[in-house]
Each structure stands twice: as structure tokens, then as C-alpha cells.
Amino acid sequence: MSRLILVLALLPLAACARSGDPHAAAKQLIASQCAACHTVPGVPGARGQVGPSLAGIAKRQVIGGKLPNMPANLRHFLEHPQSVVPGGAMPELGLSPQQAKIIADYLLTLDKP
């Protein structure tokens, strides 16, 4: 039953992937989950000024001021930022592992500040 719920939840994201943009699902997630706080290149409306701009995040050395910048660490931070920086400004968004992977895969293409 839980797999069925996950499949149904990810179905709209799969439709985005068919649009020709391999990162359409990531951009949709970022627009709905991250845009209020972060500026994210390539995501319309993602012009938040609360958190840092995510332009060039792929070239940064650390994530959240603590973790080496590598895919597994970025996914972990996206899923559970409060476990990395307790009391930090980045809230727990309730992202699934798959959603965190989709977002991380896109963010790791952003290598220009």
C-alpha cells in the first residue's frame, strides 16, 4: 500500500520529465518547496532572499557549513537539514528520498555563481 501511495505521489513528477526538460520535475519541486527562501537559476519565481542563492552550489566545498559537498550529503541535507544544523534556518520540508534525489541532481548541475 505504501508503494502505491509513493507511485501516485510521484506520478505528476514523471509527467514533467516527459516534457523534454530532464530537470522539469526538480524545477517543479524547487518552485513549490524552495523558491520562497532561495534564488535558484533556471526555476521561474525562485527569487527568495531568506536563504543563500543556490547559484554555483555544485562548486561549493560544503553544504550547510558542515558537510562536504557530494551527492549523498546534499540529499541527506535536503531530507533532514535539522539533523545537520540543529536550530538552523533550513526547515524540515518532509521531502522523500526520491524528491531529495531529484532536487539534488538538479542543484549539482548549477556550477556557475
PDB file of N, CA and C in Angstrom:
ATOM      1  N   MET A   1       0.818  -1.195   0.000  1.00  0.00           N
ATOM      2  CA  MET A   1       0.000   0.000   0.000  1.00  0.00           C
ATOM      3  C   MET A   1       0.862   1.259   0.000  1.00  0.00           C
ATOM      4  N   SER A   2       1.955   1.278   0.812  1.00  0.00           N
ATOM      5  CA  SER A   2       2.798   2.470   0.859  1.00  0.00           C
ATOM      6  C   SER A   2       3.489   2.712  -0.483  1.00  0.00           C
ATOM      7  N   ARG A   3       3.824   1.638  -1.205  1.00  0.00           N
ATOM      8  CA  ARG A   3       4.423   1.807  -2.536  1.00  0.00           C
ATOM      9  C   ARG A   3       3.433   2.442  -3.500  1.00  0.00           C
ATOM     10  N   LEU A   4       2.181   2.042  -3.404  1.00  0.00           N
ATOM     11  CA  LEU A   4       1.152   2.617  -4.257  1.00  0.00           C
ATOM     12  C   LEU A   4       1.008   4.107  -3.991  1.00  0.00           C
ATOM     13  N   ILE A   5       1.018   4.491  -2.738  1.00  0.00           N
ATOM     14  CA  ILE A   5       0.916   5.907  -2.376  1.00  0.00           C
ATOM     15  C   ILE A   5       2.111   6.673  -2.939  1.00  0.00           C
ATOM     16  N   LEU A   6       3.316   6.109  -2.813  1.00  0.00           N
ATOM     17  CA  LEU A   6       4.516   6.762  -3.342  1.00  0.00           C
ATOM     18  C   LEU A   6       4.423   6.917  -4.855  1.00  0.00           C
ATOM     19  N   VAL A   7       3.994   5.872  -5.547  1.00  0.00           N
ATOM     20  CA  VAL A   7       3.862   5.936  -7.003  1.00  0.00           C
ATOM     21  C   VAL A   7       2.859   7.018  -7.394  1.00  0.00           C
ATOM     22  N   LEU A   8       1.733   7.065  -6.709  1.00  0.00           N
ATOM     23  CA  LEU A   8       0.728   8.082  -7.019  1.00  0.00           C
ATOM     24  C   LEU A   8       1.239   9.482  -6.728  1.00  0.00           C
ATOM     25  N   ALA A   9       2.031   9.633  -5.681  1.00  0.00           N
ATOM     26  CA  ALA A   9       2.572  10.944  -5.332  1.00  0.00           C
ATOM     27  C   ALA A   9       3.595  11.415  -6.352  1.00  0.00           C
ATOM     28  N   LEU A  10       4.338  10.488  -6.944  1.00  0.00           N
ATOM     29  CA  LEU A  10       5.386  10.847  -7.899  1.00  0.00           C
ATOM     30  C   LEU A  10       4.893  10.904  -9.337  1.00  0.00           C
ATOM     31  N   LEU A  11       3.677  10.477  -9.603  1.00  0.00           N
ATOM     32  CA  LEU A  11       3.134  10.450 -10.949  1.00  0.00           C
ATOM     33  C   LEU A  11       3.179  11.813 -11.641  1.00  0.00           C
ATOM     34  N   PRO A  12       2.769  12.901 -10.976  1.00  0.00           N
ATOM     35  CA  PRO A  12       2.865  14.205 -11.649  1.00  0.00           C
ATOM     36  C   PRO A  12       4.300  14.566 -12.008  1.00  0.00           C
ATOM     37  N   LEU A  13       5.254  14.144 -11.194  1.00  0.00           N
ATOM     38  CA  LEU A  13       6.651  14.442 -11.479  1.00  0.00           C
ATOM     39  C   LEU A  13       7.128  13.674 -12.706  1.00  0.00           C
ATOM     40  N   ALA A  14       6.661  12.457 -12.882  1.00  0.00           N
ATOM     41  CA  ALA A  14       7.024  11.666 -14.052  1.00  0.00           C
ATOM     42  C   ALA A  14       6.511  12.336 -15.320  1.00  0.00           C
ATOM     43  N   ALA A  15       5.338  12.918 -15.251  1.00  0.00           N
ATOM     44  CA  ALA A  15       4.786  13.617 -16.410  1.00  0.00           C
ATOM     45  C   ALA A  15       5.659  14.811 -16.783  1.00  0.00           C
ATOM     46  N   CYS A  16       6.218  15.477 -15.799  1.00  0.00           N
ATOM     47  CA  CYS A  16       7.108  16.605 -16.063  1.00  0.00           C
ATOM     48  C   CYS A  16       8.351  16.159 -16.809  1.00  0.00           C
ATOM     49  N   ALA A  17       8.867  15.000 -16.453  1.00  0.00           N
ATOM     50  CA  ALA A  17      10.092  14.507 -17.069  1.00  0.00           C
ATOM     51  C   ALA A  17       9.890  14.264 -18.561  1.00  0.00           C
ATOM     52  N   ARG A  18       8.665  13.988 -18.969  1.00  0.00           N
ATOM     53  CA  ARG A  18       8.386  13.745 -20.379  1.00  0.00           C
ATOM     54  C   ARG A  18       8.294  15.040 -21.179  1.00  0.00           C
ATOM     55  N   SER A  19       8.379  16.192 -20.539  1.00  0.00           N
ATOM     56  CA  SER A  19       8.221  17.469 -21.231  1.00  0.00           C
ATOM     57  C   SER A  19       9.431  17.848 -22.065  1.00  0.00           C
ATOM     58  N   GLY A  20      10.509  17.082 -22.009  1.00  0.00           N
ATOM     59  CA  GLY A  20      11.708  17.407 -22.758  1.00  0.00           C
ATOM     60  C   GLY A  20      12.800  17.992 -21.892  1.00  0.00           C
ATOM     61  N   ASP A  21      12.453  18.548 -20.777  1.00  0.00           N
ATOM     62  CA  ASP A  21      13.440  19.078 -19.842  1.00  0.00           C
ATOM     63  C   ASP A  21      13.739  17.983 -18.820  1.00  0.00           C
ATOM     64  N   PRO A  22      14.968  17.459 -18.808  1.00  0.00           N
ATOM     65  CA  PRO A  22      15.267  16.366 -17.877  1.00  0.00           C
ATOM     66  C   PRO A  22      15.171  16.778 -16.410  1.00  0.00           C
ATOM     67  N   HIS A  23      15.132  18.077 -16.162  1.00  0.00           N
ATOM     68  CA  HIS A  23      15.059  18.563 -14.784  1.00  0.00           C
ATOM     69  C   HIS A  23      13.722  19.221 -14.462  1.00  0.00           C
ATOM     70  N   ALA A  24      12.713  18.962 -15.287  1.00  0.00           N
ATOM     71  CA  ALA A  24      11.407  19.586 -15.070  1.00  0.00           C
ATOM     72  C   ALA A  24      10.824  19.222 -13.709  1.00  0.00           C
ATOM     73  N   ALA A  25      10.960  17.977 -13.299  1.00  0.00           N
ATOM     74  CA  ALA A  25      10.417  17.554 -12.006  1.00  0.00           C
ATOM     75  C   ALA A  25      11.137  18.270 -10.872  1.00  0.00           C
ATOM     76  N   ALA A  26      12.459  18.398 -10.996  1.00  0.00           N
ATOM     77  CA  ALA A  26      13.231  19.107  -9.966  1.00  0.00           C
ATOM     78  C   ALA A  26      12.793  20.560  -9.883  1.00  0.00           C
ATOM     79  N   LYS A  27      12.634  21.186 -11.013  1.00  0.00           N
ATOM     80  CA  LYS A  27      12.241  22.596 -11.031  1.00  0.00           C
ATOM     81  C   LYS A  27      10.864  22.793 -10.422  1.00  0.00           C
ATOM     82  N   GLN A  28       9.958  21.847 -10.669  1.00  0.00           N
ATOM     83  CA  GLN A  28       8.619  21.931 -10.072  1.00  0.00           C
ATOM     84  C   GLN A  28       8.706  21.787  -8.551  1.00  0.00           C
ATOM     85  N   LEU A  29       9.501  20.823  -8.084  1.00  0.00           N
ATOM     86  CA  LEU A  29       9.675  20.648  -6.637  1.00  0.00           C
ATOM     87  C   LEU A  29      10.324  21.884  -6.008  1.00  0.00           C
ATOM     88  N   ILE A  30      11.350  22.399  -6.658  1.00  0.00           N
ATOM     89  CA  ILE A  30      12.040  23.580  -6.134  1.00  0.00           C
ATOM     90  C   ILE A  30      11.081  24.771  -6.080  1.00  0.00           C
ATOM     91  N   ALA A  31      10.285  24.934  -7.129  1.00  0.00           N
ATOM     92  CA  ALA A  31       9.317  26.044  -7.150  1.00  0.00           C
ATOM     93  C   ALA A  31       8.335  25.947  -5.990  1.00  0.00           C
ATOM     94  N   SER A  32       7.950  24.720  -5.638  1.00  0.00           N
ATOM     95  CA  SER A  32       6.952  24.572  -4.574  1.00  0.00           C
ATOM     96  C   SER A  32       7.558  24.472  -3.179  1.00  0.00           C
ATOM     97  N   GLN A  33       8.807  24.061  -3.064  1.00  0.00           N
ATOM     98  CA  GLN A  33       9.395  23.817  -1.748  1.00  0.00           C
ATOM     99  C   GLN A  33      10.508  24.791  -1.357  1.00  0.00           C
ATOM    100  N   CYS A  34      11.206  25.366  -2.334  1.00  0.00           N
ATOM    101  CA  CYS A  34      12.437  26.107  -2.037  1.00  0.00           C
ATOM    102  C   CYS A  34      12.412  27.572  -2.452  1.00  0.00           C
ATOM    103  N   ALA A  35      11.543  27.904  -3.409  1.00  0.00           N
ATOM    104  CA  ALA A  35      11.582  29.221  -4.042  1.00  0.00           C
ATOM    105  C   ALA A  35      11.290  30.383  -3.102  1.00  0.00           C
ATOM    106  N   ALA A  36      10.552  30.156  -2.042  1.00  0.00           N
ATOM    107  CA  ALA A  36      10.236  31.253  -1.124  1.00  0.00           C
ATOM    108  C   ALA A  36      11.483  31.728  -0.379  1.00  0.00           C
ATOM    109  N   CYS A  37      12.462  30.854  -0.228  1.00  0.00           N
ATOM    110  CA  CYS A  37      13.655  31.205   0.553  1.00  0.00           C
ATOM    111  C   CYS A  37      14.928  31.331  -0.269  1.00  0.00           C
ATOM    112  N   HIS A  38      14.992  30.652  -1.419  1.00  0.00           N
ATOM    113  CA  HIS A  38      16.239  30.621  -2.198  1.00  0.00           C
ATOM    114  C   HIS A  38      16.039  31.135  -3.611  1.00  0.00           C
ATOM    115  N   THR A  39      17.069  31.757  -4.148  1.00  0.00           N
ATOM    116  CA  THR A  39      17.152  32.050  -5.570  1.00  0.00           C
ATOM    117  C   THR A  39      17.790  30.833  -6.216  1.00  0.00           C
ATOM    118  N   VAL A  40      17.132  30.307  -7.238  1.00  0.00           N
ATOM    119  CA  VAL A  40      17.630  29.106  -7.912  1.00  0.00           C
ATOM    120  C   VAL A  40      17.597  29.351  -9.418  1.00  0.00           C
ATOM    121  N   PRO A  41      18.758  29.406 -10.056  1.00  0.00           N
ATOM    122  CA  PRO A  41      18.799  29.614 -11.506  1.00  0.00           C
ATOM    123  C   PRO A  41      17.990  28.545 -12.237  1.00  0.00           C
ATOM    124  N   GLY A  42      17.268  28.985 -13.261  1.00  0.00           N
ATOM    125  CA  GLY A  42      16.501  28.063 -14.082  1.00  0.00           C
ATOM    126  C   GLY A  42      15.127  27.732 -13.544  1.00  0.00           C
ATOM    127  N   VAL A  43      14.788  28.263 -12.371  1.00  0.00           N
ATOM    128  CA  VAL A  43      13.477  27.979 -11.781  1.00  0.00           C
ATOM    129  C   VAL A  43      12.703  29.296 -11.702  1.00  0.00           C
ATOM    130  N   PRO A  44      11.709  29.459 -12.583  1.00  0.00           N
ATOM    131  CA  PRO A  44      10.930  30.697 -12.557  1.00  0.00           C
ATOM    132  C   PRO A  44      10.310  30.931 -11.175  1.00  0.00           C
ATOM    133  N   GLY A  45      10.434  32.148 -10.703  1.00  0.00           N
ATOM    134  CA  GLY A  45       9.850  32.504  -9.415  1.00  0.00           C
ATOM    135  C   GLY A  45      10.720  32.188  -8.212  1.00  0.00           C
ATOM    136  N   ALA A  46      11.815  31.464  -8.407  1.00  0.00           N
ATOM    137  CA  ALA A  46      12.698  31.124  -7.287  1.00  0.00           C
ATOM    138  C   ALA A  46      13.664  32.286  -7.070  1.00  0.00           C
ATOM    139  N   ARG A  47      13.173  33.291  -6.353  1.00  0.00           N
ATOM    140  CA  ARG A  47      13.945  34.519  -6.108  1.00  0.00           C
ATOM    141  C   ARG A  47      13.968  34.869  -4.625  1.00  0.00           C
ATOM    142  N   GLY A  48      13.844  33.863  -3.775  1.00  0.00           N
ATOM    143  CA  GLY A  48      13.834  34.101  -2.337  1.00  0.00           C
ATOM    144  C   GLY A  48      15.146  34.682  -1.847  1.00  0.00           C
ATOM    145  N   GLN A  49      15.057  35.469  -0.790  1.00  0.00           N
ATOM    146  CA  GLN A  49      16.233  36.127  -0.217  1.00  0.00           C
ATOM    147  C   GLN A  49      16.476  35.729   1.229  1.00  0.00           C
ATOM    148  N   VAL A  50      15.744  34.756   1.746  1.00  0.00           N
ATOM    149  CA  VAL A  50      15.905  34.320   3.137  1.00  0.00           C
ATOM    150  C   VAL A  50      17.159  33.474   3.285  1.00  0.00           C
ATOM    151  N   GLY A  51      17.292  32.469   2.422  1.00  0.00           N
ATOM    152  CA  GLY A  51      18.471  31.605   2.423  1.00  0.00           C
ATOM    153  C   GLY A  51      19.413  32.037   1.319  1.00  0.00           C
ATOM    154  N   PRO A  52      20.557  31.384   1.219  1.00  0.00           N
ATOM    155  CA  PRO A  52      21.526  31.767   0.190  1.00  0.00           C
ATOM    156  C   PRO A  52      21.037  31.408  -1.208  1.00  0.00           C
ATOM    157  N   SER A  53      21.553  32.139  -2.190  1.00  0.00           N
ATOM    158  CA  SER A  53      21.320  31.767  -3.572  1.00  0.00           C
ATOM    159  C   SER A  53      21.960  30.398  -3.794  1.00  0.00           C
ATOM    160  N   LEU A  54      21.327  29.581  -4.599  1.00  0.00           N
ATOM    161  CA  LEU A  54      21.877  28.260  -4.883  1.00  0.00           C
ATOM    162  C   LEU A  54      22.628  28.237  -6.206  1.00  0.00           C
ATOM    163  N   ALA A  55      22.834  29.414  -6.803  1.00  0.00           N
ATOM    164  CA  ALA A  55      23.677  29.509  -7.996  1.00  0.00           C
ATOM    165  C   ALA A  55      25.090  29.055  -7.619  1.00  0.00           C
ATOM    166  N   GLY A  56      25.647  28.197  -8.417  1.00  0.00           N
ATOM    167  CA  GLY A  56      27.013  27.734  -8.184  1.00  0.00           C
ATOM    168  C   GLY A  56      27.162  26.727  -7.063  1.00  0.00           C
ATOM    169  N   ILE A  57      26.066  26.179  -6.554  1.00  0.00           N
ATOM    170  CA  ILE A  57      26.158  25.255  -5.416  1.00  0.00           C
ATOM    171  C   ILE A  57      27.010  24.029  -5.744  1.00  0.00           C
ATOM    172  N   ALA A  58      27.048  23.620  -6.994  1.00  0.00           N
ATOM    173  CA  ALA A  58      27.831  22.435  -7.362  1.00  0.00           C
ATOM    174  C   ALA A  58      29.328  22.644  -7.141  1.00  0.00           C
ATOM    175  N   LYS A  59      29.772  23.877  -7.132  1.00  0.00           N
ATOM    176  CA  LYS A  59      31.204  24.180  -6.943  1.00  0.00           C
ATOM    177  C   LYS A  59      31.562  24.489  -5.492  1.00  0.00           C
ATOM    178  N   ARG A  60      30.575  24.575  -4.624  1.00  0.00           N
ATOM    179  CA  ARG A  60      30.866  24.892  -3.220  1.00  0.00           C
ATOM    180  C   ARG A  60      31.509  23.696  -2.533  1.00  0.00           C
ATOM    181  N   GLN A  61      32.314  23.972  -1.541  1.00  0.00           N
ATOM    182  CA  GLN A  61      33.033  22.921  -0.825  1.00  0.00           C
ATOM    183  C   GLN A  61      32.190  22.245   0.245  1.00  0.00           C
ATOM    184  N   VAL A  62      31.285  23.009   0.873  1.00  0.00           N
ATOM    185  CA  VAL A  62      30.492  22.449   1.975  1.00  0.00           C
ATOM    186  C   VAL A  62      29.014  22.783   1.806  1.00  0.00           C
ATOM    187  N   ILE A  63      28.199  21.964   2.462  1.00  0.00           N
ATOM    188  CA  ILE A  63      26.743  22.148   2.494  1.00  0.00           C
ATOM    189  C   ILE A  63      26.357  22.443   3.931  1.00  0.00           C
ATOM    190  N   GLY A  64      25.559  23.469   4.119  1.00  0.00           N
ATOM    191  CA  GLY A  64      25.095  23.809   5.462  1.00  0.00           C
ATOM    192  C   GLY A  64      26.234  24.160   6.409  1.00  0.00           C
ATOM    193  N   GLY A  65      27.371  24.507   5.854  1.00  0.00           N
ATOM    194  CA  GLY A  65      28.523  24.872   6.676  1.00  0.00           C
ATOM    195  C   GLY A  65      29.179  23.697   7.382  1.00  0.00           C
ATOM    196  N   LYS A  66      28.745  22.462   7.085  1.00  0.00           N
ATOM    197  CA  LYS A  66      29.247  21.310   7.828  1.00  0.00           C
ATOM    198  C   LYS A  66      29.646  20.109   6.986  1.00  0.00           C
ATOM    199  N   LEU A  67      28.900  19.808   5.944  1.00  0.00           N
ATOM    200  CA  LEU A  67      29.118  18.567   5.197  1.00  0.00           C
ATOM    201  C   LEU A  67      29.896  18.813   3.917  1.00  0.00           C
ATOM    202  N   PRO A  68      30.839  17.940   3.575  1.00  0.00           N
ATOM    203  CA  PRO A  68      31.483  18.045   2.262  1.00  0.00           C
ATOM    204  C   PRO A  68      30.423  17.959   1.168  1.00  0.00           C
ATOM    205  N   ASN A  69      30.574  18.776   0.152  1.00  0.00           N
ATOM    206  CA  ASN A  69      29.588  18.825  -0.923  1.00  0.00           C
ATOM    207  C   ASN A  69      29.770  17.631  -1.851  1.00  0.00           C
ATOM    208  N   MET A  70      28.932  16.621  -1.633  1.00  0.00           N
ATOM    209  CA  MET A  70      28.868  15.449  -2.507  1.00  0.00           C
ATOM    210  C   MET A  70      27.407  15.023  -2.579  1.00  0.00           C
ATOM    211  N   PRO A  71      27.027  14.299  -3.622  1.00  0.00           N
ATOM    212  CA  PRO A  71      25.608  13.989  -3.818  1.00  0.00           C
ATOM    213  C   PRO A  71      24.902  13.383  -2.603  1.00  0.00           C
ATOM    214  N   ALA A  72      25.505  12.402  -1.966  1.00  0.00           N
ATOM    215  CA  ALA A  72      24.837  11.762  -0.820  1.00  0.00           C
ATOM    216  C   ALA A  72      24.614  12.751   0.317  1.00  0.00           C
ATOM    217  N   ASN A  73      25.583  13.615   0.560  1.00  0.00           N
ATOM    218  CA  ASN A  73      25.444  14.599   1.633  1.00  0.00           C
ATOM    219  C   ASN A  73      24.378  15.642   1.297  1.00  0.00           C
ATOM    220  N   LEU A  74      24.332  16.056   0.030  1.00  0.00           N
ATOM    221  CA  LEU A  74      23.312  17.033  -0.363  1.00  0.00           C
ATOM    222  C   LEU A  74      21.923  16.425  -0.209  1.00  0.00           C
ATOM    223  N   ARG A  75      21.752  15.168  -0.633  1.00  0.00           N
ATOM    224  CA  ARG A  75      20.451  14.512  -0.459  1.00  0.00           C
ATOM    225  C   ARG A  75      20.084  14.428   1.023  1.00  0.00           C
ATOM    226  N   HIS A  76      21.053  14.063   1.857  1.00  0.00           N
ATOM    227  CA  HIS A  76      20.791  13.966   3.302  1.00  0.00           C
ATOM    228  C   HIS A  76      20.383  15.329   3.866  1.00  0.00           C
ATOM    229  N   PHE A  77      21.104  16.375   3.485  1.00  0.00           N
ATOM    230  CA  PHE A  77      20.782  17.709   3.974  1.00  0.00           C
ATOM    231  C   PHE A  77      19.384  18.131   3.535  1.00  0.00           C
ATOM    232  N   LEU A  78      19.018  17.842   2.294  1.00  0.00           N
ATOM    233  CA  LEU A  78      17.685  18.210   1.811  1.00  0.00           C
ATOM    234  C   LEU A  78      16.583  17.461   2.564  1.00  0.00           C
ATOM    235  N   GLU A  79      16.833  16.208   2.882  1.00  0.00           N
ATOM    236  CA  GLU A  79      15.842  15.414   3.608  1.00  0.00           C
ATOM    237  C   GLU A  79      15.737  15.814   5.077  1.00  0.00           C
ATOM    238  N   HIS A  80      16.899  16.051   5.703  1.00  0.00           N
ATOM    239  CA  HIS A  80      16.916  16.291   7.155  1.00  0.00           C
ATOM    240  C   HIS A  80      17.899  17.402   7.536  1.00  0.00           C
ATOM    241  N   PRO A  81      17.613  18.632   7.118  1.00  0.00           N
ATOM    242  CA  PRO A  81      18.544  19.723   7.409  1.00  0.00           C
ATOM    243  C   PRO A  81      18.750  19.964   8.901  1.00  0.00           C
ATOM    244  N   GLN A  82      17.736  19.720   9.711  1.00  0.00           N
ATOM    245  CA  GLN A  82      17.866  19.968  11.146  1.00  0.00           C
ATOM    246  C   GLN A  82      18.787  18.954  11.823  1.00  0.00           C
ATOM    247  N   SER A  83      19.004  17.796  11.192  1.00  0.00           N
ATOM    248  CA  SER A  83      19.954  16.842  11.763  1.00  0.00           C
ATOM    249  C   SER A  83      21.387  17.275  11.477  1.00  0.00           C
ATOM    250  N   VAL A  84      21.567  18.101  10.460  1.00  0.00           N
ATOM    251  CA  VAL A  84      22.897  18.602  10.107  1.00  0.00           C
ATOM    252  C   VAL A  84      23.188  19.892  10.863  1.00  0.00           C
ATOM    253  N   VAL A  85      22.219  20.788  10.878  1.00  0.00           N
ATOM    254  CA  VAL A  85      22.367  22.079  11.557  1.00  0.00           C
ATOM    255  C   VAL A  85      21.160  22.263  12.482  1.00  0.00           C
ATOM    256  N   PRO A  86      21.199  21.659  13.670  1.00  0.00           N
ATOM    257  CA  PRO A  86      20.071  21.798  14.592  1.00  0.00           C
ATOM    258  C   PRO A  86      19.806  23.277  14.914  1.00  0.00           C
ATOM    259  N   GLY A  87      18.553  23.665  14.796  1.00  0.00           N
ATOM    260  CA  GLY A  87      18.186  25.049  15.061  1.00  0.00           C
ATOM    261  C   GLY A  87      18.466  25.992  13.908  1.00  0.00           C
ATOM    262  N   GLY A  88      18.990  25.465  12.809  1.00  0.00           N
ATOM    263  CA  GLY A  88      19.287  26.294  11.643  1.00  0.00           C
ATOM    264  C   GLY A  88      18.018  26.781  10.974  1.00  0.00           C
ATOM    265  N   ALA A  89      18.173  27.717  10.057  1.00  0.00           N
ATOM    266  CA  ALA A  89      17.023  28.317   9.388  1.00  0.00           C
ATOM    267  C   ALA A  89      16.354  27.390   8.382  1.00  0.00           C
ATOM    268  N   MET A  90      17.088  26.407   7.884  1.00  0.00           N
ATOM    269  CA  MET A  90      16.514  25.482   6.891  1.00  0.00           C
ATOM    270  C   MET A  90      15.549  24.530   7.591  1.00  0.00           C
ATOM    271  N   PRO A  91      14.264  24.607   7.225  1.00  0.00           N
ATOM    272  CA  PRO A  91      13.271  23.760   7.906  1.00  0.00           C
ATOM    273  C   PRO A  91      13.244  22.341   7.340  1.00  0.00           C
ATOM    274  N   GLU A  92      12.694  21.452   8.119  1.00  0.00           N
ATOM    275  CA  GLU A  92      12.395  20.102   7.636  1.00  0.00           C
ATOM    276  C   GLU A  92      11.195  20.241   6.700  1.00  0.00           C
ATOM    277  N   LEU A  93      11.370  19.903   5.442  1.00  0.00           N
ATOM    278  CA  LEU A  93      10.304  20.061   4.457  1.00  0.00           C
ATOM    279  C   LEU A  93       9.513  18.779   4.235  1.00  0.00           C
ATOM    280  N   GLY A  94       9.956  17.692   4.811  1.00  0.00           N
ATOM    281  CA  GLY A  94       9.267  16.428   4.624  1.00  0.00           C
ATOM    282  C   GLY A  94       9.498  15.816   3.258  1.00  0.00           C
ATOM    283  N   LEU A  95      10.649  16.134   2.652  1.00  0.00           N
ATOM    284  CA  LEU A  95      10.954  15.560   1.343  1.00  0.00           C
ATOM    285  C   LEU A  95      11.226  14.068   1.465  1.00  0.00           C
ATOM    286  N   SER A  96      10.754  13.320   0.503  1.00  0.00           N
ATOM    287  CA  SER A  96      11.051  11.895   0.442  1.00  0.00           C
ATOM    288  C   SER A  96      12.473  11.720  -0.094  1.00  0.00           C
ATOM    289  N   PRO A  97      13.056  10.547   0.086  1.00  0.00           N
ATOM    290  CA  PRO A  97      14.381  10.307  -0.503  1.00  0.00           C
ATOM    291  C   PRO A  97      14.390  10.546  -2.019  1.00  0.00           C
ATOM    292  N   GLN A  98      13.335  10.147  -2.710  1.00  0.00           N
ATOM    293  CA  GLN A  98      13.270  10.348  -4.160  1.00  0.00           C
ATOM    294  C   GLN A  98      13.186  11.836  -4.510  1.00  0.00           C
ATOM    295  N   GLN A  99      12.397  12.597  -3.767  1.00  0.00           N
ATOM    296  CA  GLN A  99      12.306  14.040  -4.019  1.00  0.00           C
ATOM    297  C   GLN A  99      13.650  14.715  -3.756  1.00  0.00           C
ATOM    298  N   ALA A 100      14.313  14.336  -2.678  1.00  0.00           N
ATOM    299  CA  ALA A 100      15.628  14.906  -2.370  1.00  0.00           C
ATOM    300  C   ALA A 100      16.624  14.586  -3.477  1.00  0.00           C
ATOM    301  N   LYS A 101      16.567  13.376  -4.029  1.00  0.00           N
ATOM    302  CA  LYS A 101      17.469  12.989  -5.113  1.00  0.00           C
ATOM    303  C   LYS A 101      17.199  13.823  -6.360  1.00  0.00           C
ATOM    304  N   ILE A 102      15.940  14.000  -6.694  1.00  0.00           N
ATOM    305  CA  ILE A 102      15.570  14.790  -7.871  1.00  0.00           C
ATOM    306  C   ILE A 102      16.090  16.221  -7.739  1.00  0.00           C
ATOM    307  N   ILE A 103      15.877  16.819  -6.571  1.00  0.00           N
ATOM    308  CA  ILE A 103      16.346  18.191  -6.339  1.00  0.00           C
ATOM    309  C   ILE A 103      17.876  18.243  -6.347  1.00  0.00           C
ATOM    310  N   ALA A 104      18.516  17.333  -5.645  1.00  0.00           N
ATOM    311  CA  ALA A 104      19.980  17.320  -5.573  1.00  0.00           C
ATOM    312  C   ALA A 104      20.594  17.150  -6.954  1.00  0.00           C
ATOM    313  N   ASP A 105      20.038  16.253  -7.758  1.00  0.00           N
ATOM    314  CA  ASP A 105      20.580  16.036  -9.106  1.00  0.00           C
ATOM    315  C   ASP A 105      20.560  17.328  -9.910  1.00  0.00           C
ATOM    316  N   TYR A 106      19.499  18.118  -9.779  1.00  0.00           N
ATOM    317  CA  TYR A 106      19.443  19.407 -10.479  1.00  0.00           C
ATOM    318  C   TYR A 106      20.428  20.405  -9.874  1.00  0.00           C
ATOM    319  N   LEU A 107      20.412  20.525  -8.570  1.00  0.00           N
ATOM    320  CA  LEU A 107      21.301  21.511  -7.932  1.00  0.00           C
ATOM    321  C   LEU A 107      22.762  21.243  -8.277  1.00  0.00           C
ATOM    322  N   LEU A 108      23.119  19.994  -8.439  1.00  0.00           N
ATOM    323  CA  LEU A 108      24.505  19.670  -8.745  1.00  0.00           C
ATOM    324  C   LEU A 108      24.886  19.976 -10.197  1.00  0.00           C
ATOM    325  N   THR A 109      23.918  20.464 -10.990  1.00  0.00           N
ATOM    326  CA  THR A 109      24.255  20.969 -12.329  1.00  0.00           C
ATOM    327  C   THR A 109      24.557  22.460 -12.295  1.00  0.00           C
ATOM    328  N   LEU A 110      24.284  23.104 -11.167  1.00  0.00           N
ATOM    329  CA  LEU A 110      24.434  24.562 -11.055  1.00  0.00           C
ATOM    330  C   LEU A 110      25.860  24.887 -10.617  1.00  0.00           C
ATOM    331  N   ASP A 111      26.752  24.983 -11.593  1.00  0.00           N
ATOM    332  CA  ASP A 111      28.161  25.197 -11.265  1.00  0.00           C
ATOM    333  C   ASP A 111      28.649  26.611 -11.512  1.00  0.00           C
ATOM    334  N   LYS A 112      27.760  27.495 -11.971  1.00  0.00           N
ATOM    335  CA  LYS A 112      28.159  28.885 -12.188  1.00  0.00           C
ATOM    336  C   LYS A 112      27.500  29.806 -11.191  1.00  0.00           C
ATOM    337  N   PRO A 113      28.318  30.590 -10.474  1.00  0.00           N
ATOM    338  CA  PRO A 113      27.752  31.528  -9.480  1.00  0.00           C
ATOM    339  C   PRO A 113      26.919  32.627 -10.115  1.00  0.00           C
TER     340      PRO A 113
END
